């Protein structure tokens, strides 16, 4: 999406503008990250490309595992 394409560029530009002295964290909800294991479409896994493009810039990535119920697991009955 446009957000997935523009957000990493914008964050990298901000970091460059302030001289690289910044702490960058992300706390996406689990469907946007772990959901990509089930289905990589729509919201499912939507943060994966953003995280990948910012992997050298991110200081902390803490996925919100606490407020979304469970993630379906095809290996459990």
C-alpha atoms as a PDB file:
ATOM      1  CA  UNK A   1       0.000   0.000   0.000  1.00  0.00           C
ATOM      2  CA  UNK A   2       0.989   3.646  -0.133  1.00  0.00           C
ATOM      3  CA  UNK A   3       1.450   3.722   3.634  1.00  0.00           C
ATOM      4  CA  UNK A   4       3.799   0.732   3.520  1.00  0.00           C
ATOM      5  CA  UNK A   5       5.821   2.496   0.833  1.00  0.00           C
ATOM      6  CA  UNK A   6       5.837   6.023   2.271  1.00  0.00           C
ATOM      7  CA  UNK A   7       6.102   5.489   6.026  1.00  0.00           C
ATOM      8  CA  UNK A   8       9.634   4.005   6.032  1.00  0.00           C
ATOM      9  CA  UNK A   9      10.887   6.748   3.698  1.00  0.00           C
ATOM     10  CA  UNK A  10       9.311   9.432   5.885  1.00  0.00           C
ATOM     11  CA  UNK A  11      10.801   7.998   9.078  1.00  0.00           C
ATOM     12  CA  UNK A  12      14.254   7.706   7.508  1.00  0.00           C
ATOM     13  CA  UNK A  13      13.997  11.325   6.316  1.00  0.00           C
ATOM     14  CA  UNK A  14      13.007  12.502   9.801  1.00  0.00           C
ATOM     15  CA  UNK A  15      15.956  10.602  11.283  1.00  0.00           C
ATOM     16  CA  UNK A  16      18.278  12.216   8.742  1.00  0.00           C
ATOM     17  CA  UNK A  17      16.850  15.687   9.455  1.00  0.00           C
ATOM     18  CA  UNK A  18      17.490  15.385  13.195  1.00  0.00           C
ATOM     19  CA  UNK A  19      20.975  13.999  12.751  1.00  0.00           C
ATOM     20  CA  UNK A  20      20.282  10.353  13.488  1.00  0.00           C
ATOM     21  CA  UNK A  21      19.944  10.925  17.225  1.00  0.00           C
ATOM     22  CA  UNK A  22      16.532   9.372  17.727  1.00  0.00           C
ATOM     23  CA  UNK A  23      15.008   6.308  19.315  1.00  0.00           C
ATOM     24  CA  UNK A  24      12.441   4.552  17.156  1.00  0.00           C
ATOM     25  CA  UNK A  25      10.000   2.046  18.595  1.00  0.00           C
ATOM     26  CA  UNK A  26       6.967   0.235  17.216  1.00  0.00           C
ATOM     27  CA  UNK A  27       4.172  -1.589  19.014  1.00  0.00           C
ATOM     28  CA  UNK A  28       1.890  -2.982  16.311  1.00  0.00           C
ATOM     29  CA  UNK A  29      -1.003  -5.280  17.186  1.00  0.00           C
ATOM     30  CA  UNK A  30      -0.326  -8.916  16.434  1.00  0.00           C
ATOM     31  CA  UNK A  31      -2.610  -9.269  13.360  1.00  0.00           C
ATOM     32  CA  UNK A  32      -0.394  -6.721  11.594  1.00  0.00           C
ATOM     33  CA  UNK A  33       2.711  -8.843  12.260  1.00  0.00           C
ATOM     34  CA  UNK A  34       1.981 -12.437  13.262  1.00  0.00           C
ATOM     35  CA  UNK A  35      -1.200 -12.472  11.193  1.00  0.00           C
ATOM     36  CA  UNK A  36       1.016 -12.712   8.128  1.00  0.00           C
ATOM     37  CA  UNK A  37       1.706 -16.320   9.129  1.00  0.00           C
ATOM     38  CA  UNK A  38      -1.961 -17.171   8.531  1.00  0.00           C
ATOM     39  CA  UNK A  39      -2.834 -14.957   5.564  1.00  0.00           C
ATOM     40  CA  UNK A  40      -0.709 -12.233   3.986  1.00  0.00           C
ATOM     41  CA  UNK A  41      -3.515  -9.991   2.762  1.00  0.00           C
ATOM     42  CA  UNK A  42      -5.443  -6.960   4.001  1.00  0.00           C
ATOM     43  CA  UNK A  43      -4.338  -6.137   7.538  1.00  0.00           C
ATOM     44  CA  UNK A  44      -2.741  -9.550   8.032  1.00  0.00           C
ATOM     45  CA  UNK A  45       0.995  -8.993   8.093  1.00  0.00           C
ATOM     46  CA  UNK A  46       0.670  -5.372   6.965  1.00  0.00           C
ATOM     47  CA  UNK A  47       3.556  -4.181   9.184  1.00  0.00           C
ATOM     48  CA  UNK A  48       6.014  -6.794   7.903  1.00  0.00           C
ATOM     49  CA  UNK A  49       7.245  -4.685   4.940  1.00  0.00           C
ATOM     50  CA  UNK A  50       7.498  -1.589   7.158  1.00  0.00           C
ATOM     51  CA  UNK A  51       9.473  -3.475   9.815  1.00  0.00           C
ATOM     52  CA  UNK A  52      11.707  -4.985   7.154  1.00  0.00           C
ATOM     53  CA  UNK A  53      12.520  -1.589   5.629  1.00  0.00           C
ATOM     54  CA  UNK A  54      13.201  -0.060   9.052  1.00  0.00           C
ATOM     55  CA  UNK A  55      15.145  -2.981  10.551  1.00  0.00           C
ATOM     56  CA  UNK A  56      18.365  -0.921  10.758  1.00  0.00           C
ATOM     57  CA  UNK A  57      16.540   2.070  12.271  1.00  0.00           C
ATOM     58  CA  UNK A  58      14.239   0.375  14.804  1.00  0.00           C
ATOM     59  CA  UNK A  59      15.502   0.335  18.375  1.00  0.00           C
ATOM     60  CA  UNK A  60      12.618  -1.646  19.858  1.00  0.00           C
ATOM     61  CA  UNK A  61       9.826  -3.696  18.336  1.00  0.00           C
ATOM     62  CA  UNK A  62       7.260  -4.918  20.836  1.00  0.00           C
ATOM     63  CA  UNK A  63       4.240  -6.604  19.296  1.00  0.00           C
ATOM     64  CA  UNK A  64       1.017  -6.172  21.297  1.00  0.00           C
ATOM     65  CA  UNK A  65       0.168  -9.752  22.159  1.00  0.00           C
ATOM     66  CA  UNK A  66      -2.140  -8.809  25.006  1.00  0.00           C
ATOM     67  CA  UNK A  67      -5.254  -7.200  23.546  1.00  0.00           C
ATOM     68  CA  UNK A  68      -6.286  -9.131  20.469  1.00  0.00           C
ATOM     69  CA  UNK A  69      -7.530 -12.505  21.643  1.00  0.00           C
ATOM     70  CA  UNK A  70      -5.783 -15.493  20.166  1.00  0.00           C
ATOM     71  CA  UNK A  71      -4.194 -16.123  16.828  1.00  0.00           C
ATOM     72  CA  UNK A  72      -5.642 -19.134  15.012  1.00  0.00           C
ATOM     73  CA  UNK A  73      -3.250 -22.063  14.942  1.00  0.00           C
ATOM     74  CA  UNK A  74      -3.898 -24.673  12.258  1.00  0.00           C
ATOM     75  CA  UNK A  75      -1.867 -27.213  14.256  1.00  0.00           C
ATOM     76  CA  UNK A  76      -4.149 -27.189  17.312  1.00  0.00           C
ATOM     77  CA  UNK A  77      -7.522 -28.970  17.411  1.00  0.00           C
END
